Amino acid sequence: MTKKVLPLAAMERLLKSGGASRVADNAKVALRGVLEDVADKIARDAVRLSLHSGRKTVKASDIKLAAKI
């Protein structure tokens, strides 16, 4: 994935909600990269599932199923 779509501020909030008192900038960037990679794979799988079902619309059930694969 080349375009970064998740904001670093959201990564800091996630890490702090996980219990971190301080978060380094490189930790935010690393978390964003991991989450975007996982989200990209889930999105591709969800699209594949919707097409397999004969639909052009991706539904929440496609996302949930793709996340389990």
PDB file of N, CA and C in Angstrom:
ATOM      1  N   MET A   1       0.849  -1.169   0.000  1.00  0.00           N
ATOM      2  CA  MET A   1       0.000   0.000   0.000  1.00  0.00           C
ATOM      3  C   MET A   1       0.891   1.227   0.000  1.00  0.00           C
ATOM      4  N   THR A   2       0.654   2.132  -0.924  1.00  0.00           N
ATOM      5  CA  THR A   2       1.511   3.303  -1.021  1.00  0.00           C
ATOM      6  C   THR A   2       0.904   4.523  -0.346  1.00  0.00           C
ATOM      7  N   LYS A   3      -0.405   4.670  -0.418  1.00  0.00           N
ATOM      8  CA  LYS A   3      -1.048   5.832   0.193  1.00  0.00           C
ATOM      9  C   LYS A   3      -1.399   5.533   1.643  1.00  0.00           C
ATOM     10  N   LYS A   4      -0.985   6.408   2.520  1.00  0.00           N
ATOM     11  CA  LYS A   4      -1.277   6.251   3.945  1.00  0.00           C
ATOM     12  C   LYS A   4      -2.619   6.933   4.228  1.00  0.00           C
ATOM     13  N   VAL A   5      -3.588   6.149   4.688  1.00  0.00           N
ATOM     14  CA  VAL A   5      -4.921   6.699   4.905  1.00  0.00           C
ATOM     15  C   VAL A   5      -5.284   6.821   6.384  1.00  0.00           C
ATOM     16  N   LEU A   6      -4.579   6.113   7.248  1.00  0.00           N
ATOM     17  CA  LEU A   6      -4.867   6.182   8.679  1.00  0.00           C
ATOM     18  C   LEU A   6      -4.004   7.267   9.321  1.00  0.00           C
ATOM     19  N   PRO A   7      -4.623   8.178  10.070  1.00  0.00           N
ATOM     20  CA  PRO A   7      -3.849   9.265  10.691  1.00  0.00           C
ATOM     21  C   PRO A   7      -3.025   8.769  11.879  1.00  0.00           C
ATOM     22  N   LEU A   8      -1.869   9.381  12.062  1.00  0.00           N
ATOM     23  CA  LEU A   8      -0.993   9.011  13.177  1.00  0.00           C
ATOM     24  C   LEU A   8      -1.627   9.308  14.528  1.00  0.00           C
ATOM     25  N   ALA A   9      -2.466  10.320  14.600  1.00  0.00           N
ATOM     26  CA  ALA A   9      -3.131  10.641  15.865  1.00  0.00           C
ATOM     27  C   ALA A   9      -4.019   9.479  16.311  1.00  0.00           C
ATOM     28  N   ALA A  10      -4.660   8.828  15.353  1.00  0.00           N
ATOM     29  CA  ALA A  10      -5.495   7.672  15.687  1.00  0.00           C
ATOM     30  C   ALA A  10      -4.640   6.519  16.204  1.00  0.00           C
ATOM     31  N   MET A  11      -3.440   6.369  15.654  1.00  0.00           N
ATOM     32  CA  MET A  11      -2.541   5.306  16.119  1.00  0.00           C
ATOM     33  C   MET A  11      -2.122   5.571  17.561  1.00  0.00           C
ATOM     34  N   GLU A  12      -1.856   6.832  17.869  1.00  0.00           N
ATOM     35  CA  GLU A  12      -1.486   7.181  19.244  1.00  0.00           C
ATOM     36  C   GLU A  12      -2.642   6.898  20.199  1.00  0.00           C
ATOM     37  N   ARG A  13      -3.860   7.240  19.791  1.00  0.00           N
ATOM     38  CA  ARG A  13      -5.024   6.976  20.649  1.00  0.00           C
ATOM     39  C   ARG A  13      -5.194   5.478  20.883  1.00  0.00           C
ATOM     40  N   LEU A  14      -4.993   4.667  19.847  1.00  0.00           N
ATOM     41  CA  LEU A  14      -5.104   3.218  20.001  1.00  0.00           C
ATOM     42  C   LEU A  14      -4.060   2.683  20.972  1.00  0.00           C
ATOM     43  N   LEU A  15      -2.833   3.141  20.825  1.00  0.00           N
ATOM     44  CA  LEU A  15      -1.771   2.676  21.700  1.00  0.00           C
ATOM     45  C   LEU A  15      -1.997   3.130  23.144  1.00  0.00           C
ATOM     46  N   LYS A  16      -2.474   4.356  23.307  1.00  0.00           N
ATOM     47  CA  LYS A  16      -2.737   4.840  24.669  1.00  0.00           C
ATOM     48  C   LYS A  16      -3.928   4.121  25.279  1.00  0.00           C
ATOM     49  N   SER A  17      -4.926   3.780  24.461  1.00  0.00           N
ATOM     50  CA  SER A  17      -6.061   3.032  25.012  1.00  0.00           C
ATOM     51  C   SER A  17      -5.635   1.615  25.381  1.00  0.00           C
ATOM     52  N   GLY A  18      -4.529   1.157  24.800  1.00  0.00           N
ATOM     53  CA  GLY A  18      -3.968  -0.137  25.158  1.00  0.00           C
ATOM     54  C   GLY A  18      -3.100  -0.097  26.398  1.00  0.00           C
ATOM     55  N   GLY A  19      -2.910   1.104  26.958  1.00  0.00           N
ATOM     56  CA  GLY A  19      -2.182   1.210  28.205  1.00  0.00           C
ATOM     57  C   GLY A  19      -0.867   1.957  28.136  1.00  0.00           C
ATOM     58  N   ALA A  20      -0.441   2.392  26.955  1.00  0.00           N
ATOM     59  CA  ALA A  20       0.833   3.115  26.839  1.00  0.00           C
ATOM     60  C   ALA A  20       0.691   4.518  27.422  1.00  0.00           C
ATOM     61  N   SER A  21       1.673   4.927  28.218  1.00  0.00           N
ATOM     62  CA  SER A  21       1.638   6.294  28.741  1.00  0.00           C
ATOM     63  C   SER A  21       2.312   7.261  27.773  1.00  0.00           C
ATOM     64  N   ARG A  22       3.307   6.770  27.049  1.00  0.00           N
ATOM     65  CA  ARG A  22       3.991   7.573  26.028  1.00  0.00           C
ATOM     66  C   ARG A  22       4.153   6.720  24.789  1.00  0.00           C
ATOM     67  N   VAL A  23       4.125   7.382  23.619  1.00  0.00           N
ATOM     68  CA  VAL A  23       4.207   6.654  22.350  1.00  0.00           C
ATOM     69  C   VAL A  23       5.233   7.354  21.450  1.00  0.00           C
ATOM     70  N   ALA A  24       6.215   6.597  20.994  1.00  0.00           N
ATOM     71  CA  ALA A  24       7.224   7.146  20.088  1.00  0.00           C
ATOM     72  C   ALA A  24       6.632   7.299  18.684  1.00  0.00           C
ATOM     73  N   ASP A  25       7.148   8.280  17.948  1.00  0.00           N
ATOM     74  CA  ASP A  25       6.656   8.515  16.589  1.00  0.00           C
ATOM     75  C   ASP A  25       6.830   7.288  15.697  1.00  0.00           C
ATOM     76  N   ASN A  26       7.969   6.584  15.842  1.00  0.00           N
ATOM     77  CA  ASN A  26       8.187   5.415  14.988  1.00  0.00           C
ATOM     78  C   ASN A  26       7.234   4.270  15.338  1.00  0.00           C
ATOM     79  N   ALA A  27       6.736   4.241  16.571  1.00  0.00           N
ATOM     80  CA  ALA A  27       5.747   3.230  16.958  1.00  0.00           C
ATOM     81  C   ALA A  27       4.419   3.513  16.268  1.00  0.00           C
ATOM     82  N   LYS A  28       4.048   4.783  16.176  1.00  0.00           N
ATOM     83  CA  LYS A  28       2.810   5.153  15.486  1.00  0.00           C
ATOM     84  C   LYS A  28       2.887   4.782  14.008  1.00  0.00           C
ATOM     85  N   VAL A  29       4.026   5.069  13.401  1.00  0.00           N
ATOM     86  CA  VAL A  29       4.213   4.764  11.978  1.00  0.00           C
ATOM     87  C   VAL A  29       4.186   3.253  11.749  1.00  0.00           C
ATOM     88  N   ALA A  30       4.822   2.505  12.643  1.00  0.00           N
ATOM     89  CA  ALA A  30       4.855   1.047  12.505  1.00  0.00           C
ATOM     90  C   ALA A  30       3.460   0.450  12.649  1.00  0.00           C
ATOM     91  N   LEU A  31       2.693   0.926  13.633  1.00  0.00           N
ATOM     92  CA  LEU A  31       1.331   0.420  13.818  1.00  0.00           C
ATOM     93  C   LEU A  31       0.467   0.752  12.611  1.00  0.00           C
ATOM     94  N   ARG A  32       0.606   1.965  12.084  1.00  0.00           N
ATOM     95  CA  ARG A  32      -0.158   2.355  10.898  1.00  0.00           C
ATOM     96  C   ARG A  32       0.165   1.434   9.730  1.00  0.00           C
ATOM     97  N   GLY A  33       1.415   1.121   9.527  1.00  0.00           N
ATOM     98  CA  GLY A  33       1.801   0.243   8.428  1.00  0.00           C
ATOM     99  C   GLY A  33       1.204  -1.149   8.562  1.00  0.00           C
ATOM    100  N   VAL A  34       1.262  -1.697   9.764  1.00  0.00           N
ATOM    101  CA  VAL A  34       0.714  -3.037  10.004  1.00  0.00           C
ATOM    102  C   VAL A  34      -0.794  -3.044   9.791  1.00  0.00           C
ATOM    103  N   LEU A  35      -1.485  -2.069  10.380  1.00  0.00           N
ATOM    104  CA  LEU A  35      -2.940  -2.024  10.256  1.00  0.00           C
ATOM    105  C   LEU A  35      -3.391  -1.814   8.815  1.00  0.00           C
ATOM    106  N   GLU A  36      -2.667  -0.968   8.072  1.00  0.00           N
ATOM    107  CA  GLU A  36      -3.037  -0.742   6.681  1.00  0.00           C
ATOM    108  C   GLU A  36      -2.795  -1.983   5.831  1.00  0.00           C
ATOM    109  N   ASP A  37      -1.743  -2.734   6.119  1.00  0.00           N
ATOM    110  CA  ASP A  37      -1.498  -3.977   5.394  1.00  0.00           C
ATOM    111  C   ASP A  37      -2.599  -4.990   5.652  1.00  0.00           C
ATOM    112  N   VAL A  38      -2.991  -5.128   6.910  1.00  0.00           N
ATOM    113  CA  VAL A  38      -4.049  -6.068   7.273  1.00  0.00           C
ATOM    114  C   VAL A  38      -5.379  -5.626   6.657  1.00  0.00           C
ATOM    115  N   ALA A  39      -5.672  -4.327   6.746  1.00  0.00           N
ATOM    116  CA  ALA A  39      -6.921  -3.801   6.179  1.00  0.00           C
ATOM    117  C   ALA A  39      -6.963  -3.984   4.661  1.00  0.00           C
ATOM    118  N   ASP A  40      -5.828  -3.814   4.011  1.00  0.00           N
ATOM    119  CA  ASP A  40      -5.760  -3.988   2.564  1.00  0.00           C
ATOM    120  C   ASP A  40      -6.074  -5.433   2.185  1.00  0.00           C
ATOM    121  N   LYS A  41      -5.527  -6.385   2.909  1.00  0.00           N
ATOM    122  CA  LYS A  41      -5.781  -7.799   2.628  1.00  0.00           C
ATOM    123  C   LYS A  41      -7.247  -8.142   2.874  1.00  0.00           C
ATOM    124  N   ILE A  42      -7.807  -7.653   3.975  1.00  0.00           N
ATOM    125  CA  ILE A  42      -9.211  -7.927   4.278  1.00  0.00           C
ATOM    126  C   ILE A  42     -10.106  -7.319   3.197  1.00  0.00           C
ATOM    127  N   ALA A  43      -9.800  -6.112   2.768  1.00  0.00           N
ATOM    128  CA  ALA A  43     -10.601  -5.458   1.731  1.00  0.00           C
ATOM    129  C   ALA A  43     -10.559  -6.248   0.427  1.00  0.00           C
ATOM    130  N   ARG A  44      -9.369  -6.692   0.020  1.00  0.00           N
ATOM    131  CA  ARG A  44      -9.268  -7.477  -1.213  1.00  0.00           C
ATOM    132  C   ARG A  44     -10.051  -8.779  -1.106  1.00  0.00           C
ATOM    133  N   ASP A  45      -9.947  -9.451   0.041  1.00  0.00           N
ATOM    134  CA  ASP A  45     -10.681 -10.701   0.234  1.00  0.00           C
ATOM    135  C   ASP A  45     -12.190 -10.463   0.262  1.00  0.00           C
ATOM    136  N   ALA A  46     -12.626  -9.363   0.874  1.00  0.00           N
ATOM    137  CA  ALA A  46     -14.057  -9.047   0.939  1.00  0.00           C
ATOM    138  C   ALA A  46     -14.618  -8.771  -0.455  1.00  0.00           C
ATOM    139  N   VAL A  47     -13.860  -8.077  -1.276  1.00  0.00           N
ATOM    140  CA  VAL A  47     -14.295  -7.822  -2.652  1.00  0.00           C
ATOM    141  C   VAL A  47     -14.403  -9.135  -3.411  1.00  0.00           C
ATOM    142  N   ARG A  48     -13.426 -10.002  -3.235  1.00  0.00           N
ATOM    143  CA  ARG A  48     -13.458 -11.309  -3.894  1.00  0.00           C
ATOM    144  C   ARG A  48     -14.692 -12.105  -3.467  1.00  0.00           C
ATOM    145  N   LEU A  49     -15.014 -12.068  -2.171  1.00  0.00           N
ATOM    146  CA  LEU A  49     -16.184 -12.776  -1.660  1.00  0.00           C
ATOM    147  C   LEU A  49     -17.484 -12.209  -2.231  1.00  0.00           C
ATOM    148  N   SER A  50     -17.570 -10.892  -2.321  1.00  0.00           N
ATOM    149  CA  SER A  50     -18.798 -10.292  -2.860  1.00  0.00           C
ATOM    150  C   SER A  50     -18.959 -10.628  -4.341  1.00  0.00           C
ATOM    151  N   LEU A  51     -17.877 -10.623  -5.080  1.00  0.00           N
ATOM    152  CA  LEU A  51     -17.951 -10.990  -6.495  1.00  0.00           C
ATOM    153  C   LEU A  51     -18.322 -12.455  -6.667  1.00  0.00           C
ATOM    154  N   HIS A  52     -17.799 -13.304  -5.799  1.00  0.00           N
ATOM    155  CA  HIS A  52     -18.135 -14.720  -5.841  1.00  0.00           C
ATOM    156  C   HIS A  52     -19.628 -14.942  -5.583  1.00  0.00           C
ATOM    157  N   SER A  53     -20.212 -14.075  -4.753  1.00  0.00           N
ATOM    158  CA  SER A  53     -21.639 -14.163  -4.450  1.00  0.00           C
ATOM    159  C   SER A  53     -22.500 -13.503  -5.514  1.00  0.00           C
ATOM    160  N   GLY A  54     -21.885 -12.978  -6.552  1.00  0.00           N
ATOM    161  CA  GLY A  54     -22.622 -12.353  -7.647  1.00  0.00           C
ATOM    162  C   GLY A  54     -23.056 -10.927  -7.343  1.00  0.00           C
ATOM    163  N   ARG A  55     -22.371 -10.273  -6.402  1.00  0.00           N
ATOM    164  CA  ARG A  55     -22.702  -8.902  -6.035  1.00  0.00           C
ATOM    165  C   ARG A  55     -21.547  -7.971  -6.350  1.00  0.00           C
ATOM    166  N   LYS A  56     -21.898  -6.707  -6.628  1.00  0.00           N
ATOM    167  CA  LYS A  56     -20.883  -5.674  -6.773  1.00  0.00           C
ATOM    168  C   LYS A  56     -20.671  -4.931  -5.452  1.00  0.00           C
ATOM    169  N   THR A  57     -21.654  -5.033  -4.566  1.00  0.00           N
ATOM    170  CA  THR A  57     -21.614  -4.334  -3.288  1.00  0.00           C
ATOM    171  C   THR A  57     -20.949  -5.200  -2.224  1.00  0.00           C
ATOM    172  N   VAL A  58     -19.976  -4.620  -1.538  1.00  0.00           N
ATOM    173  CA  VAL A  58     -19.330  -5.309  -0.425  1.00  0.00           C
ATOM    174  C   VAL A  58     -20.175  -5.056   0.817  1.00  0.00           C
ATOM    175  N   LYS A  59     -20.567  -6.122   1.503  1.00  0.00           N
ATOM    176  CA  LYS A  59     -21.393  -6.019   2.703  1.00  0.00           C
ATOM    177  C   LYS A  59     -20.531  -6.253   3.946  1.00  0.00           C
ATOM    178  N   ALA A  60     -21.114  -5.899   5.091  1.00  0.00           N
ATOM    179  CA  ALA A  60     -20.422  -6.104   6.360  1.00  0.00           C
ATOM    180  C   ALA A  60     -20.109  -7.577   6.567  1.00  0.00           C
ATOM    181  N   SER A  61     -20.986  -8.455   6.118  1.00  0.00           N
ATOM    182  CA  SER A  61     -20.747  -9.893   6.275  1.00  0.00           C
ATOM    183  C   SER A  61     -19.529 -10.339   5.463  1.00  0.00           C
ATOM    184  N   ASP A  62     -19.276  -9.695   4.322  1.00  0.00           N
ATOM    185  CA  ASP A  62     -18.078  -9.994   3.533  1.00  0.00           C
ATOM    186  C   ASP A  62     -16.823  -9.609   4.311  1.00  0.00           C
ATOM    187  N   ILE A  63     -16.878  -8.458   4.948  1.00  0.00           N
ATOM    188  CA  ILE A  63     -15.734  -7.973   5.735  1.00  0.00           C
ATOM    189  C   ILE A  63     -15.469  -8.923   6.902  1.00  0.00           C
ATOM    190  N   LYS A  64     -16.532  -9.309   7.601  1.00  0.00           N
ATOM    191  CA  LYS A  64     -16.388 -10.188   8.752  1.00  0.00           C
ATOM    192  C   LYS A  64     -15.842 -11.542   8.341  1.00  0.00           C
ATOM    193  N   LEU A  65     -16.332 -12.078   7.236  1.00  0.00           N
ATOM    194  CA  LEU A  65     -15.847 -13.359   6.752  1.00  0.00           C
ATOM    195  C   LEU A  65     -14.397 -13.249   6.289  1.00  0.00           C
ATOM    196  N   ALA A  66     -14.072 -12.179   5.591  1.00  0.00           N
ATOM    197  CA  ALA A  66     -12.704 -11.981   5.110  1.00  0.00           C
ATOM    198  C   ALA A  66     -11.722 -11.847   6.264  1.00  0.00           C
ATOM    199  N   ALA A  67     -12.165 -11.274   7.371  1.00  0.00           N
ATOM    200  CA  ALA A  67     -11.292 -11.103   8.527  1.00  0.00           C
ATOM    201  C   ALA A  67     -10.986 -12.440   9.190  1.00  0.00           C
ATOM    202  N   LYS A  68     -11.880 -13.418   9.018  1.00  0.00           N
ATOM    203  CA  LYS A  68     -11.677 -14.732   9.613  1.00  0.00           C
ATOM    204  C   LYS A  68     -10.769 -15.616   8.758  1.00  0.00           C
ATOM    205  N   ILE A  69     -10.666 -15.305   7.487  1.00  0.00           N
ATOM    206  CA  ILE A  69      -9.885 -16.149   6.564  1.00  0.00           C
ATOM    207  C   ILE A  69      -8.401 -16.030   6.869  1.00  0.00           C
TER     208      ILE A  69
END
